[in-house]
Amino acid sequence: MTFGHPANSGSAVDINPATAVARNARGRTCASVNETLPHLRFTSQWTSEEVTWSNSRGHLLLRHADGADLTVELQRCARGRLRNAYPVSSHDLEVQVGGAESTDVLTASLGAVVTAIEAAEPQCRRIVYAVDTDGSFSGAVGRLSVIAAAEAAGFRYVVDVDLADAELSLLVAEPRWVTEVDMDLDHVPGT
Protein backbone atom coordinates (compact mmCIF):
# COMPACT_ATOMS: atom_id res chain seq x y z
CA MET A 1 0.00 0.00 0.00
CA THR A 2 1.53 3.36 -0.99
CA PHE A 3 0.65 6.78 0.39
CA GLY A 4 1.72 10.11 -1.02
CA HIS A 5 2.04 11.41 -4.53
CA PRO A 6 4.39 9.39 -6.77
CA ALA A 7 5.86 12.59 -8.21
CA ASN A 8 7.19 13.54 -4.76
CA SER A 9 10.15 11.19 -4.55
CA GLY A 10 10.94 10.40 -0.97
CA SER A 11 7.51 11.35 0.39
CA ALA A 12 5.55 8.22 -0.55
CA VAL A 13 5.16 5.69 2.24
CA ASP A 14 4.84 1.93 1.60
CA ILE A 15 3.11 -0.05 4.31
CA ASN A 16 3.45 -3.81 4.51
CA PRO A 17 -0.04 -4.93 5.66
CA ALA A 18 1.37 -8.07 7.31
CA THR A 19 3.80 -6.21 9.56
CA ALA A 20 2.40 -2.66 9.45
CA VAL A 21 5.96 -1.41 9.03
CA ALA A 22 6.08 1.77 6.99
CA ARG A 23 8.99 2.53 4.65
CA ASN A 24 9.46 5.71 2.65
CA ALA A 25 10.45 5.71 -1.03
CA ARG A 26 14.12 5.49 -0.06
CA GLY A 27 13.48 2.34 1.98
CA ARG A 28 13.94 3.99 5.38
CA THR A 29 11.74 2.64 8.15
CA CYS A 30 9.13 5.10 9.42
CA ALA A 31 7.04 4.88 12.57
CA SER A 32 4.61 2.00 12.51
CA VAL A 33 1.01 2.89 11.73
CA ASN A 34 0.05 0.31 14.35
CA GLU A 35 1.49 2.35 17.20
CA THR A 36 -1.02 2.65 19.98
CA LEU A 37 -3.03 5.84 20.05
CA PRO A 38 -1.93 8.17 22.82
CA HIS A 39 -4.10 8.25 25.94
CA LEU A 40 -5.24 11.83 26.34
CA ARG A 41 -5.24 13.80 29.58
CA PHE A 42 -7.37 16.92 29.81
CA THR A 43 -7.32 20.05 31.97
CA SER A 44 -9.46 20.35 35.08
CA GLN A 45 -12.36 21.84 33.07
CA TRP A 46 -12.64 18.66 31.00
CA THR A 47 -12.97 15.01 31.96
CA SER A 48 -12.84 12.08 29.60
CA GLU A 49 -13.78 8.43 29.57
CA GLU A 50 -12.39 6.04 26.97
CA VAL A 51 -15.19 4.01 25.43
CA THR A 52 -13.05 2.01 22.98
CA TRP A 53 -9.33 2.30 22.26
CA SER A 54 -7.05 0.47 19.80
CA ASN A 55 -3.85 1.01 17.85
CA SER A 56 -5.47 3.14 15.18
CA ARG A 57 -8.87 4.30 16.50
CA GLY A 58 -10.36 5.52 19.75
CA HIS A 59 -13.72 6.77 21.01
CA LEU A 60 -14.11 8.78 24.17
CA LEU A 61 -16.74 10.75 26.02
CA LEU A 62 -15.64 14.28 26.80
CA ARG A 63 -17.41 16.27 29.51
CA HIS A 64 -17.00 19.93 30.31
CA ALA A 65 -17.43 21.27 33.85
CA ASP A 66 -20.53 23.20 32.68
CA GLY A 67 -22.24 19.92 31.72
CA ALA A 68 -21.61 19.71 27.97
CA ASP A 69 -21.21 16.05 26.87
CA LEU A 70 -19.46 15.29 23.59
CA THR A 71 -18.21 12.26 21.74
CA VAL A 72 -14.71 12.39 20.30
CA GLU A 73 -13.27 9.96 17.80
CA LEU A 74 -9.55 9.83 17.06
CA GLN A 75 -8.12 7.86 14.17
CA ARG A 76 -4.67 7.53 12.66
CA CYS A 77 -4.97 9.12 9.23
CA ALA A 78 -2.69 6.45 7.72
CA ARG A 79 -5.23 3.77 8.68
CA GLY A 80 -8.49 5.68 8.22
CA ARG A 81 -10.62 7.28 5.56
CA LEU A 82 -8.05 10.03 4.85
CA ARG A 83 -5.17 7.64 4.07
CA ASN A 84 -5.21 8.45 0.34
CA ALA A 85 -6.50 12.03 0.60
CA TYR A 86 -3.13 13.75 1.14
CA PRO A 87 0.54 12.83 1.82
CA VAL A 88 -0.18 11.46 5.28
CA SER A 89 2.40 11.08 8.05
CA SER A 90 2.26 7.97 10.24
CA HIS A 91 1.51 10.05 13.38
CA ASP A 92 -1.21 12.26 11.85
CA LEU A 93 -4.53 12.02 13.69
CA GLU A 94 -8.05 12.80 12.52
CA VAL A 95 -10.41 14.21 15.15
CA GLN A 96 -14.20 14.01 14.90
CA VAL A 97 -16.39 15.69 17.51
CA GLY A 98 -20.06 14.89 17.92
CA GLY A 99 -22.71 16.47 20.11
CA ALA A 100 -21.49 20.06 20.07
CA GLU A 101 -24.63 22.16 20.44
CA SER A 102 -22.94 25.43 19.52
CA THR A 103 -19.84 26.71 17.80
CA ASP A 104 -18.51 27.92 21.17
CA VAL A 105 -18.64 24.38 22.55
CA LEU A 106 -17.04 23.03 19.36
CA THR A 107 -14.21 25.59 19.57
CA ALA A 108 -13.56 24.84 23.26
CA SER A 109 -13.62 21.06 22.76
CA LEU A 110 -11.36 21.13 19.69
CA GLY A 111 -8.91 23.36 21.55
CA ALA A 112 -8.86 20.95 24.50
CA VAL A 113 -8.36 17.92 22.23
CA VAL A 114 -5.49 19.59 20.33
CA THR A 115 -3.75 20.52 23.59
CA ALA A 116 -4.16 16.97 24.90
CA ILE A 117 -2.86 15.38 21.67
CA GLU A 118 0.18 17.68 21.51
CA ALA A 119 1.05 16.78 25.12
CA ALA A 120 0.47 13.03 24.66
CA GLU A 121 2.07 12.55 21.24
CA PRO A 122 4.77 15.11 20.43
CA GLN A 123 5.59 13.34 17.12
CA CYS A 124 2.15 14.18 15.69
CA ARG A 125 2.71 16.57 12.76
CA ARG A 126 -0.94 17.17 11.88
CA ILE A 127 -4.21 17.01 13.75
CA VAL A 128 -6.87 16.93 11.04
CA TYR A 129 -10.48 18.03 11.36
CA ALA A 130 -12.64 17.22 8.34
CA VAL A 131 -15.80 19.19 7.58
CA ASP A 132 -18.35 17.66 5.21
CA THR A 133 -18.94 20.07 2.32
CA ASP A 134 -22.51 18.93 1.66
CA GLY A 135 -23.71 21.07 4.56
CA SER A 136 -25.40 18.26 6.49
CA PHE A 137 -24.80 19.41 10.05
CA SER A 138 -26.85 18.92 13.14
CA GLY A 139 -28.99 21.78 14.35
CA ALA A 140 -28.65 25.29 12.97
CA VAL A 141 -24.85 25.17 12.75
CA GLY A 142 -23.74 25.54 9.13
CA ARG A 143 -20.56 24.52 7.33
CA LEU A 144 -18.92 27.95 7.42
CA SER A 145 -19.72 28.31 11.12
CA VAL A 146 -18.08 24.94 11.80
CA ILE A 147 -14.97 25.97 9.84
CA ALA A 148 -14.85 29.29 11.73
CA ALA A 149 -15.16 27.43 15.05
CA ALA A 150 -12.28 25.12 14.12
CA GLU A 151 -10.15 28.09 13.03
CA ALA A 152 -10.87 29.78 16.37
CA ALA A 153 -9.50 26.61 18.03
CA GLY A 154 -6.20 26.91 16.14
CA PHE A 155 -6.94 24.94 12.97
CA ARG A 156 -6.32 26.33 9.49
CA TYR A 157 -8.08 25.42 6.27
CA VAL A 158 -5.84 23.43 3.91
CA VAL A 159 -7.74 21.74 1.08
CA ASP A 160 -10.99 20.19 -0.13
CA VAL A 161 -10.76 16.46 -0.92
CA ASP A 162 -13.06 13.96 -2.59
CA LEU A 163 -13.46 10.55 -0.99
CA ALA A 164 -15.55 7.68 -2.33
CA ASP A 165 -18.47 8.62 -0.07
CA ALA A 166 -17.88 12.25 0.91
CA GLU A 167 -16.48 15.60 -0.09
CA LEU A 168 -14.52 17.13 2.81
CA SER A 169 -12.78 20.37 3.71
CA LEU A 170 -9.64 19.50 5.66
CA LEU A 171 -8.42 21.77 8.43
CA VAL A 172 -5.20 21.09 10.34
CA ALA A 173 -3.65 22.08 13.63
CA GLU A 174 0.12 21.74 13.59
CA PRO A 175 2.54 22.07 16.49
CA ARG A 176 4.92 24.98 16.57
CA TRP A 177 7.94 22.84 15.62
CA VAL A 178 6.25 22.07 12.28
CA THR A 179 5.33 25.65 11.41
CA GLU A 180 8.45 27.48 12.66
CA VAL A 181 10.53 29.07 9.93
CA ASP A 182 14.05 30.38 10.38
CA MET A 183 14.02 33.71 8.54
CA ASP A 184 17.77 34.26 9.01
CA LEU A 185 18.94 33.60 5.45
CA ASP A 186 22.59 33.86 6.50
CA HIS A 187 22.23 31.06 9.06
CA VAL A 188 23.29 27.62 7.85
CA PRO A 189 21.68 24.84 9.88
CA GLY A 190 24.18 22.82 11.88
CA THR A 191 26.81 25.58 12.08
C-alpha atoms as a PDB file:
ATOM      1  CA  MET A   1       0.000   0.000   0.000  1.00  0.00           C
ATOM      2  CA  THR A   2       1.533   3.359  -0.986  1.00  0.00           C
ATOM      3  CA  PHE A   3       0.653   6.777   0.387  1.00  0.00           C
ATOM      4  CA  GLY A   4       1.723  10.106  -1.023  1.00  0.00           C
ATOM      5  CA  HIS A   5       2.036  11.408  -4.528  1.00  0.00           C
ATOM      6  CA  PRO A   6       4.391   9.393  -6.767  1.00  0.00           C
ATOM      7  CA  ALA A   7       5.858  12.593  -8.206  1.00  0.00           C
ATOM      8  CA  ASN A   8       7.186  13.542  -4.758  1.00  0.00           C
ATOM      9  CA  SER A   9      10.149  11.187  -4.550  1.00  0.00           C
ATOM     10  CA  GLY A  10      10.940  10.399  -0.965  1.00  0.00           C
ATOM     11  CA  SER A  11       7.512  11.354   0.387  1.00  0.00           C
ATOM     12  CA  ALA A  12       5.551   8.223  -0.549  1.00  0.00           C
ATOM     13  CA  VAL A  13       5.159   5.690   2.238  1.00  0.00           C
ATOM     14  CA  ASP A  14       4.838   1.930   1.600  1.00  0.00           C
ATOM     15  CA  ILE A  15       3.113  -0.047   4.314  1.00  0.00           C
ATOM     16  CA  ASN A  16       3.448  -3.809   4.513  1.00  0.00           C
ATOM     17  CA  PRO A  17      -0.038  -4.934   5.659  1.00  0.00           C
ATOM     18  CA  ALA A  18       1.371  -8.074   7.307  1.00  0.00           C
ATOM     19  CA  THR A  19       3.797  -6.207   9.561  1.00  0.00           C
ATOM     20  CA  ALA A  20       2.397  -2.656   9.455  1.00  0.00           C
ATOM     21  CA  VAL A  21       5.956  -1.411   9.030  1.00  0.00           C
ATOM     22  CA  ALA A  22       6.081   1.768   6.988  1.00  0.00           C
ATOM     23  CA  ARG A  23       8.988   2.535   4.647  1.00  0.00           C
ATOM     24  CA  ASN A  24       9.462   5.711   2.654  1.00  0.00           C
ATOM     25  CA  ALA A  25      10.451   5.706  -1.028  1.00  0.00           C
ATOM     26  CA  ARG A  26      14.122   5.492  -0.061  1.00  0.00           C
ATOM     27  CA  GLY A  27      13.477   2.344   1.982  1.00  0.00           C
ATOM     28  CA  ARG A  28      13.943   3.989   5.378  1.00  0.00           C
ATOM     29  CA  THR A  29      11.738   2.643   8.148  1.00  0.00           C
ATOM     30  CA  CYS A  30       9.127   5.102   9.419  1.00  0.00           C
ATOM     31  CA  ALA A  31       7.043   4.884  12.569  1.00  0.00           C
ATOM     32  CA  SER A  32       4.606   1.999  12.511  1.00  0.00           C
ATOM     33  CA  VAL A  33       1.015   2.894  11.733  1.00  0.00           C
ATOM     34  CA  ASN A  34       0.050   0.309  14.348  1.00  0.00           C
ATOM     35  CA  GLU A  35       1.486   2.354  17.199  1.00  0.00           C
ATOM     36  CA  THR A  36      -1.023   2.653  19.982  1.00  0.00           C
ATOM     37  CA  LEU A  37      -3.032   5.844  20.050  1.00  0.00           C
ATOM     38  CA  PRO A  38      -1.932   8.169  22.822  1.00  0.00           C
ATOM     39  CA  HIS A  39      -4.098   8.247  25.940  1.00  0.00           C
ATOM     40  CA  LEU A  40      -5.237  11.835  26.344  1.00  0.00           C
ATOM     41  CA  ARG A  41      -5.235  13.804  29.576  1.00  0.00           C
ATOM     42  CA  PHE A  42      -7.373  16.925  29.812  1.00  0.00           C
ATOM     43  CA  THR A  43      -7.317  20.053  31.973  1.00  0.00           C
ATOM     44  CA  SER A  44      -9.464  20.346  35.077  1.00  0.00           C
ATOM     45  CA  GLN A  45     -12.363  21.839  33.070  1.00  0.00           C
ATOM     46  CA  TRP A  46     -12.640  18.659  30.998  1.00  0.00           C
ATOM     47  CA  THR A  47     -12.968  15.009  31.962  1.00  0.00           C
ATOM     48  CA  SER A  48     -12.841  12.077  29.599  1.00  0.00           C
ATOM     49  CA  GLU A  49     -13.785   8.431  29.573  1.00  0.00           C
ATOM     50  CA  GLU A  50     -12.387   6.044  26.973  1.00  0.00           C
ATOM     51  CA  VAL A  51     -15.195   4.007  25.432  1.00  0.00           C
ATOM     52  CA  THR A  52     -13.048   2.012  22.976  1.00  0.00           C
ATOM     53  CA  TRP A  53      -9.326   2.298  22.257  1.00  0.00           C
ATOM     54  CA  SER A  54      -7.054   0.470  19.803  1.00  0.00           C
ATOM     55  CA  ASN A  55      -3.853   1.014  17.854  1.00  0.00           C
ATOM     56  CA  SER A  56      -5.471   3.138  15.184  1.00  0.00           C
ATOM     57  CA  ARG A  57      -8.867   4.301  16.496  1.00  0.00           C
ATOM     58  CA  GLY A  58     -10.361   5.517  19.747  1.00  0.00           C
ATOM     59  CA  HIS A  59     -13.722   6.772  21.006  1.00  0.00           C
ATOM     60  CA  LEU A  60     -14.112   8.775  24.168  1.00  0.00           C
ATOM     61  CA  LEU A  61     -16.739  10.753  26.015  1.00  0.00           C
ATOM     62  CA  LEU A  62     -15.637  14.278  26.804  1.00  0.00           C
ATOM     63  CA  ARG A  63     -17.414  16.268  29.508  1.00  0.00           C
ATOM     64  CA  HIS A  64     -17.004  19.929  30.312  1.00  0.00           C
ATOM     65  CA  ALA A  65     -17.428  21.268  33.846  1.00  0.00           C
ATOM     66  CA  ASP A  66     -20.531  23.196  32.684  1.00  0.00           C
ATOM     67  CA  GLY A  67     -22.240  19.925  31.717  1.00  0.00           C
ATOM     68  CA  ALA A  68     -21.613  19.705  27.968  1.00  0.00           C
ATOM     69  CA  ASP A  69     -21.214  16.052  26.869  1.00  0.00           C
ATOM     70  CA  LEU A  70     -19.462  15.293  23.588  1.00  0.00           C
ATOM     71  CA  THR A  71     -18.207  12.261  21.741  1.00  0.00           C
ATOM     72  CA  VAL A  72     -14.707  12.393  20.303  1.00  0.00           C
ATOM     73  CA  GLU A  73     -13.269   9.958  17.801  1.00  0.00           C
ATOM     74  CA  LEU A  74      -9.552   9.825  17.061  1.00  0.00           C
ATOM     75  CA  GLN A  75      -8.120   7.863  14.174  1.00  0.00           C
ATOM     76  CA  ARG A  76      -4.673   7.530  12.657  1.00  0.00           C
ATOM     77  CA  CYS A  77      -4.973   9.118   9.229  1.00  0.00           C
ATOM     78  CA  ALA A  78      -2.691   6.449   7.717  1.00  0.00           C
ATOM     79  CA  ARG A  79      -5.233   3.766   8.683  1.00  0.00           C
ATOM     80  CA  GLY A  80      -8.494   5.678   8.221  1.00  0.00           C
ATOM     81  CA  ARG A  81     -10.619   7.284   5.558  1.00  0.00           C
ATOM     82  CA  LEU A  82      -8.048  10.030   4.850  1.00  0.00           C
ATOM     83  CA  ARG A  83      -5.170   7.637   4.070  1.00  0.00           C
ATOM     84  CA  ASN A  84      -5.210   8.451   0.345  1.00  0.00           C
ATOM     85  CA  ALA A  85      -6.499  12.029   0.602  1.00  0.00           C
ATOM     86  CA  TYR A  86      -3.131  13.750   1.137  1.00  0.00           C
ATOM     87  CA  PRO A  87       0.541  12.835   1.816  1.00  0.00           C
ATOM     88  CA  VAL A  88      -0.181  11.462   5.281  1.00  0.00           C
ATOM     89  CA  SER A  89       2.399  11.080   8.045  1.00  0.00           C
ATOM     90  CA  SER A  90       2.260   7.973  10.240  1.00  0.00           C
ATOM     91  CA  HIS A  91       1.512  10.046  13.377  1.00  0.00           C
ATOM     92  CA  ASP A  92      -1.206  12.260  11.848  1.00  0.00           C
ATOM     93  CA  LEU A  93      -4.531  12.019  13.688  1.00  0.00           C
ATOM     94  CA  GLU A  94      -8.053  12.803  12.524  1.00  0.00           C
ATOM     95  CA  VAL A  95     -10.407  14.214  15.152  1.00  0.00           C
ATOM     96  CA  GLN A  96     -14.196  14.008  14.898  1.00  0.00           C
ATOM     97  CA  VAL A  97     -16.392  15.685  17.506  1.00  0.00           C
ATOM     98  CA  GLY A  98     -20.062  14.891  17.924  1.00  0.00           C
ATOM     99  CA  GLY A  99     -22.712  16.465  20.114  1.00  0.00           C
ATOM    100  CA  ALA A 100     -21.490  20.059  20.070  1.00  0.00           C
ATOM    101  CA  GLU A 101     -24.632  22.159  20.440  1.00  0.00           C
ATOM    102  CA  SER A 102     -22.941  25.434  19.521  1.00  0.00           C
ATOM    103  CA  THR A 103     -19.843  26.712  17.801  1.00  0.00           C
ATOM    104  CA  ASP A 104     -18.509  27.924  21.169  1.00  0.00           C
ATOM    105  CA  VAL A 105     -18.639  24.376  22.551  1.00  0.00           C
ATOM    106  CA  LEU A 106     -17.035  23.031  19.364  1.00  0.00           C
ATOM    107  CA  THR A 107     -14.207  25.593  19.572  1.00  0.00           C
ATOM    108  CA  ALA A 108     -13.556  24.836  23.256  1.00  0.00           C
ATOM    109  CA  SER A 109     -13.622  21.060  22.761  1.00  0.00           C
ATOM    110  CA  LEU A 110     -11.356  21.131  19.687  1.00  0.00           C
ATOM    111  CA  GLY A 111      -8.907  23.360  21.553  1.00  0.00           C
ATOM    112  CA  ALA A 112      -8.857  20.948  24.502  1.00  0.00           C
ATOM    113  CA  VAL A 113      -8.360  17.925  22.233  1.00  0.00           C
ATOM    114  CA  VAL A 114      -5.494  19.586  20.328  1.00  0.00           C
ATOM    115  CA  THR A 115      -3.755  20.523  23.590  1.00  0.00           C
ATOM    116  CA  ALA A 116      -4.161  16.968  24.904  1.00  0.00           C
ATOM    117  CA  ILE A 117      -2.858  15.384  21.674  1.00  0.00           C
ATOM    118  CA  GLU A 118       0.176  17.683  21.513  1.00  0.00           C
ATOM    119  CA  ALA A 119       1.046  16.775  25.121  1.00  0.00           C
ATOM    120  CA  ALA A 120       0.469  13.027  24.664  1.00  0.00           C
ATOM    121  CA  GLU A 121       2.066  12.554  21.236  1.00  0.00           C
ATOM    122  CA  PRO A 122       4.767  15.111  20.426  1.00  0.00           C
ATOM    123  CA  GLN A 123       5.590  13.336  17.117  1.00  0.00           C
ATOM    124  CA  CYS A 124       2.154  14.183  15.693  1.00  0.00           C
ATOM    125  CA  ARG A 125       2.707  16.569  12.763  1.00  0.00           C
ATOM    126  CA  ARG A 126      -0.945  17.174  11.876  1.00  0.00           C
ATOM    127  CA  ILE A 127      -4.213  17.015  13.751  1.00  0.00           C
ATOM    128  CA  VAL A 128      -6.865  16.931  11.038  1.00  0.00           C
ATOM    129  CA  TYR A 129     -10.477  18.034  11.362  1.00  0.00           C
ATOM    130  CA  ALA A 130     -12.638  17.217   8.336  1.00  0.00           C
ATOM    131  CA  VAL A 131     -15.800  19.190   7.584  1.00  0.00           C
ATOM    132  CA  ASP A 132     -18.347  17.656   5.207  1.00  0.00           C
ATOM    133  CA  THR A 133     -18.937  20.074   2.318  1.00  0.00           C
ATOM    134  CA  ASP A 134     -22.505  18.928   1.660  1.00  0.00           C
ATOM    135  CA  GLY A 135     -23.714  21.067   4.555  1.00  0.00           C
ATOM    136  CA  SER A 136     -25.400  18.261   6.486  1.00  0.00           C
ATOM    137  CA  PHE A 137     -24.804  19.408  10.045  1.00  0.00           C
ATOM    138  CA  SER A 138     -26.845  18.924  13.145  1.00  0.00           C
ATOM    139  CA  GLY A 139     -28.988  21.783  14.349  1.00  0.00           C
ATOM    140  CA  ALA A 140     -28.651  25.291  12.972  1.00  0.00           C
ATOM    141  CA  VAL A 141     -24.847  25.173  12.750  1.00  0.00           C
ATOM    142  CA  GLY A 142     -23.738  25.545   9.130  1.00  0.00           C
ATOM    143  CA  ARG A 143     -20.556  24.516   7.328  1.00  0.00           C
ATOM    144  CA  LEU A 144     -18.923  27.949   7.421  1.00  0.00           C
ATOM    145  CA  SER A 145     -19.716  28.308  11.118  1.00  0.00           C
ATOM    146  CA  VAL A 146     -18.082  24.937  11.802  1.00  0.00           C
ATOM    147  CA  ILE A 147     -14.971  25.974   9.843  1.00  0.00           C
ATOM    148  CA  ALA A 148     -14.847  29.292  11.727  1.00  0.00           C
ATOM    149  CA  ALA A 149     -15.162  27.433  15.050  1.00  0.00           C
ATOM    150  CA  ALA A 150     -12.284  25.124  14.117  1.00  0.00           C
ATOM    151  CA  GLU A 151     -10.153  28.091  13.026  1.00  0.00           C
ATOM    152  CA  ALA A 152     -10.865  29.776  16.373  1.00  0.00           C
ATOM    153  CA  ALA A 153      -9.504  26.606  18.030  1.00  0.00           C
ATOM    154  CA  GLY A 154      -6.204  26.911  16.135  1.00  0.00           C
ATOM    155  CA  PHE A 155      -6.942  24.945  12.970  1.00  0.00           C
ATOM    156  CA  ARG A 156      -6.323  26.330   9.493  1.00  0.00           C
ATOM    157  CA  TYR A 157      -8.078  25.424   6.271  1.00  0.00           C
ATOM    158  CA  VAL A 158      -5.842  23.429   3.913  1.00  0.00           C
ATOM    159  CA  VAL A 159      -7.737  21.740   1.079  1.00  0.00           C
ATOM    160  CA  ASP A 160     -10.991  20.190  -0.128  1.00  0.00           C
ATOM    161  CA  VAL A 161     -10.760  16.460  -0.920  1.00  0.00           C
ATOM    162  CA  ASP A 162     -13.064  13.963  -2.588  1.00  0.00           C
ATOM    163  CA  LEU A 163     -13.456  10.550  -0.992  1.00  0.00           C
ATOM    164  CA  ALA A 164     -15.551   7.683  -2.333  1.00  0.00           C
ATOM    165  CA  ASP A 165     -18.470   8.617  -0.072  1.00  0.00           C
ATOM    166  CA  ALA A 166     -17.878  12.247   0.906  1.00  0.00           C
ATOM    167  CA  GLU A 167     -16.475  15.598  -0.094  1.00  0.00           C
ATOM    168  CA  LEU A 168     -14.521  17.127   2.805  1.00  0.00           C
ATOM    169  CA  SER A 169     -12.782  20.369   3.705  1.00  0.00           C
ATOM    170  CA  LEU A 170      -9.637  19.499   5.664  1.00  0.00           C
ATOM    171  CA  LEU A 171      -8.416  21.767   8.435  1.00  0.00           C
ATOM    172  CA  VAL A 172      -5.196  21.091  10.342  1.00  0.00           C
ATOM    173  CA  ALA A 173      -3.647  22.084  13.633  1.00  0.00           C
ATOM    174  CA  GLU A 174       0.124  21.744  13.587  1.00  0.00           C
ATOM    175  CA  PRO A 175       2.540  22.074  16.490  1.00  0.00           C
ATOM    176  CA  ARG A 176       4.923  24.985  16.568  1.00  0.00           C
ATOM    177  CA  TRP A 177       7.936  22.840  15.619  1.00  0.00           C
ATOM    178  CA  VAL A 178       6.254  22.070  12.277  1.00  0.00           C
ATOM    179  CA  THR A 179       5.333  25.647  11.411  1.00  0.00           C
ATOM    180  CA  GLU A 180       8.445  27.475  12.657  1.00  0.00           C
ATOM    181  CA  VAL A 181      10.529  29.067   9.928  1.00  0.00           C
ATOM    182  CA  ASP A 182      14.050  30.378  10.382  1.00  0.00           C
ATOM    183  CA  MET A 183      14.023  33.705   8.538  1.00  0.00           C
ATOM    184  CA  ASP A 184      17.767  34.262   9.005  1.00  0.00           C
ATOM    185  CA  LEU A 185      18.940  33.598   5.449  1.00  0.00           C
ATOM    186  CA  ASP A 186      22.593  33.864   6.502  1.00  0.00           C
ATOM    187  CA  HIS A 187      22.228  31.063   9.058  1.00  0.00           C
ATOM    188  CA  VAL A 188      23.295  27.617   7.852  1.00  0.00           C
ATOM    189  CA  PRO A 189      21.676  24.835   9.882  1.00  0.00           C
ATOM    190  CA  GLY A 190      24.182  22.825  11.883  1.00  0.00           C
ATOM    191  CA  THR A 191      26.811  25.578  12.082  1.00  0.00           C
END
